[in-house]
Amino acid sequence: MEEQDKKTAATTGDEVALELMKFIATSTGYGKGVQQVGFSSTGTRTPEEQADALLDLFRKCRTVVRENGDASKS
């Protein structure tokens, strides 16, 4: 029974982190790179760089959710 509770808690924590990441990414444009006007070849990100940025954001969100989850249990 405890093992099932741990799996549920991990899934719930990851879901919360994913929702937090989606909120941050959509409200700030995180991961899309800098939007520039004019003829400039710098500042745009490749799809791989965008994916890496979003995965990094998810890791940060998951860390925050886990830390806050541990703090609320104390």
PDB file of N, CA and C in Angstrom:
ATOM      1  N   MET A   1       0.826  -1.197   0.000  1.00  0.00           N
ATOM      2  CA  MET A   1       0.000   0.000   0.000  1.00  0.00           C
ATOM      3  C   MET A   1       0.871   1.261   0.000  1.00  0.00           C
ATOM      4  N   GLU A   2       1.946   1.263   0.780  1.00  0.00           N
ATOM      5  CA  GLU A   2       2.825   2.426   0.847  1.00  0.00           C
ATOM      6  C   GLU A   2       3.490   2.689  -0.498  1.00  0.00           C
ATOM      7  N   GLU A   3       3.826   1.601  -1.208  1.00  0.00           N
ATOM      8  CA  GLU A   3       4.465   1.745  -2.516  1.00  0.00           C
ATOM      9  C   GLU A   3       3.520   2.447  -3.494  1.00  0.00           C
ATOM     10  N   GLN A   4       2.247   2.094  -3.449  1.00  0.00           N
ATOM     11  CA  GLN A   4       1.252   2.736  -4.315  1.00  0.00           C
ATOM     12  C   GLN A   4       1.113   4.220  -3.958  1.00  0.00           C
ATOM     13  N   ASP A   5       1.142   4.552  -2.672  1.00  0.00           N
ATOM     14  CA  ASP A   5       1.057   5.942  -2.234  1.00  0.00           C
ATOM     15  C   ASP A   5       2.252   6.743  -2.732  1.00  0.00           C
ATOM     16  N   LYS A   6       3.451   6.137  -2.703  1.00  0.00           N
ATOM     17  CA  LYS A   6       4.647   6.822  -3.185  1.00  0.00           C
ATOM     18  C   LYS A   6       4.555   7.081  -4.684  1.00  0.00           C
ATOM     19  N   LYS A   7       4.057   6.107  -5.451  1.00  0.00           N
ATOM     20  CA  LYS A   7       3.889   6.291  -6.892  1.00  0.00           C
ATOM     21  C   LYS A   7       2.882   7.388  -7.181  1.00  0.00           C
ATOM     22  N   THR A   8       1.789   7.401  -6.434  1.00  0.00           N
ATOM     23  CA  THR A   8       0.771   8.428  -6.618  1.00  0.00           C
ATOM     24  C   THR A   8       1.319   9.800  -6.274  1.00  0.00           C
ATOM     25  N   ALA A   9       2.071   9.900  -5.193  1.00  0.00           N
ATOM     26  CA  ALA A   9       2.654  11.177  -4.791  1.00  0.00           C
ATOM     27  C   ALA A   9       3.646  11.669  -5.837  1.00  0.00           C
ATOM     28  N   ALA A  10       4.454  10.757  -6.380  1.00  0.00           N
ATOM     29  CA  ALA A  10       5.422  11.152  -7.406  1.00  0.00           C
ATOM     30  C   ALA A  10       4.703  11.608  -8.656  1.00  0.00           C
ATOM     31  N   THR A  11       3.674  10.899  -9.051  1.00  0.00           N
ATOM     32  CA  THR A  11       2.918  11.287 -10.235  1.00  0.00           C
ATOM     33  C   THR A  11       2.251  12.633 -10.014  1.00  0.00           C
ATOM     34  N   THR A  12       1.652  12.820  -8.872  1.00  0.00           N
ATOM     35  CA  THR A  12       0.988  14.081  -8.579  1.00  0.00           C
ATOM     36  C   THR A  12       1.998  15.225  -8.561  1.00  0.00           C
ATOM     37  N   GLY A  13       3.158  15.010  -7.966  1.00  0.00           N
ATOM     38  CA  GLY A  13       4.189  16.042  -7.932  1.00  0.00           C
ATOM     39  C   GLY A  13       4.674  16.397  -9.326  1.00  0.00           C
ATOM     40  N   ASP A  14       4.862  15.380 -10.171  1.00  0.00           N
ATOM     41  CA  ASP A  14       5.288  15.640 -11.546  1.00  0.00           C
ATOM     42  C   ASP A  14       4.200  16.372 -12.328  1.00  0.00           C
ATOM     43  N   GLU A  15       2.947  16.023 -12.064  1.00  0.00           N
ATOM     44  CA  GLU A  15       1.851  16.714 -12.747  1.00  0.00           C
ATOM     45  C   GLU A  15       1.784  18.182 -12.340  1.00  0.00           C
ATOM     46  N   VAL A  16       1.986  18.450 -11.062  1.00  0.00           N
ATOM     47  CA  VAL A  16       1.994  19.830 -10.581  1.00  0.00           C
ATOM     48  C   VAL A  16       3.161  20.587 -11.209  1.00  0.00           C
ATOM     49  N   ALA A  17       4.326  19.955 -11.256  1.00  0.00           N
ATOM     50  CA  ALA A  17       5.499  20.590 -11.871  1.00  0.00           C
ATOM     51  C   ALA A  17       5.264  20.859 -13.342  1.00  0.00           C
ATOM     52  N   LEU A  18       4.606  19.933 -14.039  1.00  0.00           N
ATOM     53  CA  LEU A  18       4.307  20.117 -15.459  1.00  0.00           C
ATOM     54  C   LEU A  18       3.345  21.277 -15.668  1.00  0.00           C
ATOM     55  N   GLU A  19       2.321  21.365 -14.838  1.00  0.00           N
ATOM     56  CA  GLU A  19       1.372  22.479 -14.950  1.00  0.00           C
ATOM     57  C   GLU A  19       2.059  23.811 -14.658  1.00  0.00           C
ATOM     58  N   LEU A  20       2.939  23.827 -13.670  1.00  0.00           N
ATOM     59  CA  LEU A  20       3.687  25.041 -13.345  1.00  0.00           C
ATOM     60  C   LEU A  20       4.585  25.442 -14.509  1.00  0.00           C
ATOM     61  N   MET A  21       5.262  24.452 -15.103  1.00  0.00           N
ATOM     62  CA  MET A  21       6.132  24.720 -16.248  1.00  0.00           C
ATOM     63  C   MET A  21       5.321  25.275 -17.416  1.00  0.00           C
ATOM     64  N   LYS A  22       4.165  24.674 -17.701  1.00  0.00           N
ATOM     65  CA  LYS A  22       3.337  25.152 -18.815  1.00  0.00           C
ATOM     66  C   LYS A  22       2.868  26.578 -18.567  1.00  0.00           C
ATOM     67  N   PHE A  23       2.498  26.887 -17.319  1.00  0.00           N
ATOM     68  CA  PHE A  23       2.062  28.246 -16.989  1.00  0.00           C
ATOM     69  C   PHE A  23       3.189  29.252 -17.218  1.00  0.00           C
ATOM     70  N   ILE A  24       4.370  28.939 -16.714  1.00  0.00           N
ATOM     71  CA  ILE A  24       5.515  29.847 -16.859  1.00  0.00           C
ATOM     72  C   ILE A  24       5.882  30.008 -18.330  1.00  0.00           C
ATOM     73  N   ALA A  25       5.939  28.890 -19.051  1.00  0.00           N
ATOM     74  CA  ALA A  25       6.349  28.931 -20.454  1.00  0.00           C
ATOM     75  C   ALA A  25       5.364  29.717 -21.314  1.00  0.00           C
ATOM     76  N   THR A  26       4.075  29.527 -21.094  1.00  0.00           N
ATOM     77  CA  THR A  26       3.101  30.234 -21.929  1.00  0.00           C
ATOM     78  C   THR A  26       2.965  31.701 -21.549  1.00  0.00           C
ATOM     79  N   SER A  27       3.089  32.013 -20.281  1.00  0.00           N
ATOM     80  CA  SER A  27       2.908  33.409 -19.883  1.00  0.00           C
ATOM     81  C   SER A  27       4.132  34.274 -20.132  1.00  0.00           C
ATOM     82  N   THR A  28       5.316  33.643 -20.232  1.00  0.00           N
ATOM     83  CA  THR A  28       6.537  34.431 -20.429  1.00  0.00           C
ATOM     84  C   THR A  28       7.199  34.210 -21.777  1.00  0.00           C
ATOM     85  N   GLY A  29       6.768  33.185 -22.526  1.00  0.00           N
ATOM     86  CA  GLY A  29       7.428  32.869 -23.784  1.00  0.00           C
ATOM     87  C   GLY A  29       8.764  32.183 -23.566  1.00  0.00           C
ATOM     88  N   TYR A  30       8.931  31.578 -22.402  1.00  0.00           N
ATOM     89  CA  TYR A  30      10.194  30.917 -22.041  1.00  0.00           C
ATOM     90  C   TYR A  30      10.519  29.826 -23.050  1.00  0.00           C
ATOM     91  N   GLY A  31      11.763  29.794 -23.489  1.00  0.00           N
ATOM     92  CA  GLY A  31      12.219  28.753 -24.392  1.00  0.00           C
ATOM     93  C   GLY A  31      12.135  29.119 -25.854  1.00  0.00           C
ATOM     94  N   LYS A  32      11.432  30.191 -26.171  1.00  0.00           N
ATOM     95  CA  LYS A  32      11.278  30.570 -27.575  1.00  0.00           C
ATOM     96  C   LYS A  32      12.428  31.420 -28.081  1.00  0.00           C
ATOM     97  N   GLY A  33      13.195  31.957 -27.196  1.00  0.00           N
ATOM     98  CA  GLY A  33      14.293  32.818 -27.626  1.00  0.00           C
ATOM     99  C   GLY A  33      13.826  34.261 -27.734  1.00  0.00           C
ATOM    100  N   VAL A  34      14.740  35.108 -28.112  1.00  0.00           N
ATOM    101  CA  VAL A  34      14.470  36.538 -28.200  1.00  0.00           C
ATOM    102  C   VAL A  34      13.840  36.845 -29.550  1.00  0.00           C
ATOM    103  N   GLN A  35      12.744  37.555 -29.539  1.00  0.00           N
ATOM    104  CA  GLN A  35      12.103  37.989 -30.777  1.00  0.00           C
ATOM    105  C   GLN A  35      12.728  39.314 -31.196  1.00  0.00           C
ATOM    106  N   GLN A  36      13.311  39.329 -32.394  1.00  0.00           N
ATOM    107  CA  GLN A  36      13.963  40.538 -32.861  1.00  0.00           C
ATOM    108  C   GLN A  36      13.313  41.011 -34.148  1.00  0.00           C
ATOM    109  N   VAL A  37      13.354  42.302 -34.343  1.00  0.00           N
ATOM    110  CA  VAL A  37      12.821  42.915 -35.547  1.00  0.00           C
ATOM    111  C   VAL A  37      13.975  43.252 -36.467  1.00  0.00           C
ATOM    112  N   GLY A  38      13.807  43.012 -37.744  1.00  0.00           N
ATOM    113  CA  GLY A  38      14.845  43.381 -38.702  1.00  0.00           C
ATOM    114  C   GLY A  38      15.625  42.191 -39.195  1.00  0.00           C
ATOM    115  N   PHE A  39      16.719  42.481 -39.845  1.00  0.00           N
ATOM    116  CA  PHE A  39      17.558  41.445 -40.431  1.00  0.00           C
ATOM    117  C   PHE A  39      18.633  41.038 -39.438  1.00  0.00           C
ATOM    118  N   SER A  40      18.348  40.041 -38.670  1.00  0.00           N
ATOM    119  CA  SER A  40      19.308  39.569 -37.680  1.00  0.00           C
ATOM    120  C   SER A  40      19.290  38.057 -37.676  1.00  0.00           C
ATOM    121  N   SER A  41      20.443  37.462 -37.800  1.00  0.00           N
ATOM    122  CA  SER A  41      20.502  36.006 -37.804  1.00  0.00           C
ATOM    123  C   SER A  41      20.762  35.444 -36.410  1.00  0.00           C
ATOM    124  N   THR A  42      21.000  36.291 -35.433  1.00  0.00           N
ATOM    125  CA  THR A  42      21.239  35.814 -34.078  1.00  0.00           C
ATOM    126  C   THR A  42      19.972  35.964 -33.253  1.00  0.00           C
ATOM    127  N   GLY A  43      19.909  35.243 -32.172  1.00  0.00           N
ATOM    128  CA  GLY A  43      18.785  35.391 -31.258  1.00  0.00           C
ATOM    129  C   GLY A  43      17.725  34.323 -31.421  1.00  0.00           C
ATOM    130  N   THR A  44      17.710  33.586 -32.511  1.00  0.00           N
ATOM    131  CA  THR A  44      16.718  32.532 -32.668  1.00  0.00           C
ATOM    132  C   THR A  44      17.294  31.220 -32.156  1.00  0.00           C
ATOM    133  N   ARG A  45      16.425  30.410 -31.617  1.00  0.00           N
ATOM    134  CA  ARG A  45      16.844  29.126 -31.067  1.00  0.00           C
ATOM    135  C   ARG A  45      16.389  28.004 -31.991  1.00  0.00           C
ATOM    136  N   THR A  46      17.191  26.973 -32.043  1.00  0.00           N
ATOM    137  CA  THR A  46      16.802  25.788 -32.790  1.00  0.00           C
ATOM    138  C   THR A  46      15.756  25.029 -31.981  1.00  0.00           C
ATOM    139  N   PRO A  47      15.006  24.147 -32.619  1.00  0.00           N
ATOM    140  CA  PRO A  47      14.035  23.354 -31.852  1.00  0.00           C
ATOM    141  C   PRO A  47      14.683  22.561 -30.722  1.00  0.00           C
ATOM    142  N   GLU A  48      15.902  22.087 -30.928  1.00  0.00           N
ATOM    143  CA  GLU A  48      16.597  21.340 -29.880  1.00  0.00           C
ATOM    144  C   GLU A  48      16.909  22.237 -28.685  1.00  0.00           C
ATOM    145  N   GLU A  49      17.313  23.466 -28.958  1.00  0.00           N
ATOM    146  CA  GLU A  49      17.602  24.412 -27.872  1.00  0.00           C
ATOM    147  C   GLU A  49      16.323  24.776 -27.125  1.00  0.00           C
ATOM    148  N   GLN A  50      15.215  24.915 -27.844  1.00  0.00           N
ATOM    149  CA  GLN A  50      13.939  25.206 -27.199  1.00  0.00           C
ATOM    150  C   GLN A  50      13.528  24.046 -26.298  1.00  0.00           C
ATOM    151  N   ALA A  51      13.681  22.826 -26.804  1.00  0.00           N
ATOM    152  CA  ALA A  51      13.327  21.646 -26.004  1.00  0.00           C
ATOM    153  C   ALA A  51      14.208  21.547 -24.768  1.00  0.00           C
ATOM    154  N   ASP A  52      15.506  21.790 -24.931  1.00  0.00           N
ATOM    155  CA  ASP A  52      16.414  21.760 -23.779  1.00  0.00           C
ATOM    156  C   ASP A  52      16.023  22.800 -22.734  1.00  0.00           C
ATOM    157  N   ALA A  53      15.651  23.990 -23.185  1.00  0.00           N
ATOM    158  CA  ALA A  53      15.250  25.050 -22.255  1.00  0.00           C
ATOM    159  C   ALA A  53      13.986  24.650 -21.500  1.00  0.00           C
ATOM    160  N   LEU A  54      13.025  24.039 -22.190  1.00  0.00           N
ATOM    161  CA  LEU A  54      11.789  23.626 -21.529  1.00  0.00           C
ATOM    162  C   LEU A  54      12.032  22.466 -20.568  1.00  0.00           C
ATOM    163  N   LEU A  55      12.893  21.529 -20.934  1.00  0.00           N
ATOM    164  CA  LEU A  55      13.220  20.432 -20.023  1.00  0.00           C
ATOM    165  C   LEU A  55      13.930  20.945 -18.778  1.00  0.00           C
ATOM    166  N   ASP A  56      14.812  21.924 -18.961  1.00  0.00           N
ATOM    167  CA  ASP A  56      15.495  22.530 -17.822  1.00  0.00           C
ATOM    168  C   ASP A  56      14.490  23.234 -16.916  1.00  0.00           C
ATOM    169  N   LEU A  57      13.531  23.923 -17.513  1.00  0.00           N
ATOM    170  CA  LEU A  57      12.496  24.592 -16.724  1.00  0.00           C
ATOM    171  C   LEU A  57      11.673  23.564 -15.952  1.00  0.00           C
ATOM    172  N   PHE A  58      11.341  22.434 -16.597  1.00  0.00           N
ATOM    173  CA  PHE A  58      10.580  21.389 -15.905  1.00  0.00           C
ATOM    174  C   PHE A  58      11.360  20.846 -14.719  1.00  0.00           C
ATOM    175  N   ARG A  59      12.659  20.624 -14.893  1.00  0.00           N
ATOM    176  CA  ARG A  59      13.488  20.129 -13.781  1.00  0.00           C
ATOM    177  C   ARG A  59      13.474  21.119 -12.612  1.00  0.00           C
ATOM    178  N   LYS A  60      13.565  22.404 -12.935  1.00  0.00           N
ATOM    179  CA  LYS A  60      13.538  23.421 -11.874  1.00  0.00           C
ATOM    180  C   LYS A  60      12.186  23.426 -11.168  1.00  0.00           C
ATOM    181  N   CYS A  61      11.114  23.325 -11.939  1.00  0.00           N
ATOM    182  CA  CYS A  61       9.771  23.304 -11.353  1.00  0.00           C
ATOM    183  C   CYS A  61       9.582  22.073 -10.480  1.00  0.00           C
ATOM    184  N   ARG A  62      10.077  20.923 -10.933  1.00  0.00           N
ATOM    185  CA  ARG A  62       9.946  19.692 -10.158  1.00  0.00           C
ATOM    186  C   ARG A  62      10.719  19.798  -8.851  1.00  0.00           C
ATOM    187  N   THR A  63      11.887  20.413  -8.888  1.00  0.00           N
ATOM    188  CA  THR A  63      12.669  20.605  -7.676  1.00  0.00           C
ATOM    189  C   THR A  63      11.913  21.486  -6.681  1.00  0.00           C
ATOM    190  N   VAL A  64      11.333  22.556  -7.167  1.00  0.00           N
ATOM    191  CA  VAL A  64      10.580  23.461  -6.294  1.00  0.00           C
ATOM    192  C   VAL A  64       9.367  22.756  -5.705  1.00  0.00           C
ATOM    193  N   VAL A  65       8.649  21.992  -6.526  1.00  0.00           N
ATOM    194  CA  VAL A  65       7.463  21.290  -6.033  1.00  0.00           C
ATOM    195  C   VAL A  65       7.860  20.258  -4.983  1.00  0.00           C
ATOM    196  N   ARG A  66       8.936  19.541  -5.209  1.00  0.00           N
ATOM    197  CA  ARG A  66       9.381  18.543  -4.233  1.00  0.00           C
ATOM    198  C   ARG A  66       9.831  19.179  -2.943  1.00  0.00           C
ATOM    199  N   GLU A  67      10.555  20.295  -3.035  1.00  0.00           N
ATOM    200  CA  GLU A  67      11.008  20.980  -1.816  1.00  0.00           C
ATOM    201  C   GLU A  67       9.833  21.497  -1.030  1.00  0.00           C
ATOM    202  N   ASN A  68       8.862  22.062  -1.698  1.00  0.00           N
ATOM    203  CA  ASN A  68       7.687  22.588  -0.987  1.00  0.00           C
ATOM    204  C   ASN A  68       6.820  21.456  -0.442  1.00  0.00           C
ATOM    205  N   GLY A  69       6.795  20.328  -1.124  1.00  0.00           N
ATOM    206  CA  GLY A  69       6.044  19.178  -0.632  1.00  0.00           C
ATOM    207  C   GLY A  69       6.657  18.634   0.641  1.00  0.00           C
ATOM    208  N   ASP A  70       7.989  18.581   0.693  1.00  0.00           N
ATOM    209  CA  ASP A  70       8.680  18.126   1.893  1.00  0.00           C
ATOM    210  C   ASP A  70       8.490  19.099   3.048  1.00  0.00           C
ATOM    211  N   ALA A  71       8.472  20.373   2.748  1.00  0.00           N
ATOM    212  CA  ALA A  71       8.307  21.392   3.793  1.00  0.00           C
ATOM    213  C   ALA A  71       6.907  21.345   4.387  1.00  0.00           C
ATOM    214  N   SER A  72       5.905  21.016   3.573  1.00  0.00           N
ATOM    215  CA  SER A  72       4.541  20.979   4.083  1.00  0.00           C
ATOM    216  C   SER A  72       4.286  19.750   4.951  1.00  0.00           C
ATOM    217  N   LYS A  73       5.106  18.699   4.789  1.00  0.00           N
ATOM    218  CA  LYS A  73       4.950  17.496   5.602  1.00  0.00           C
ATOM    219  C   LYS A  73       5.503  17.684   6.999  1.00  0.00           C
ATOM    220  N   SER A  74       6.416  18.637   7.187  1.00  0.00           N
ATOM    221  CA  SER A  74       7.052  18.849   8.491  1.00  0.00           C
ATOM    222  C   SER A  74       6.149  19.592   9.427  1.00  0.00           C
TER     223      SER A  74
END
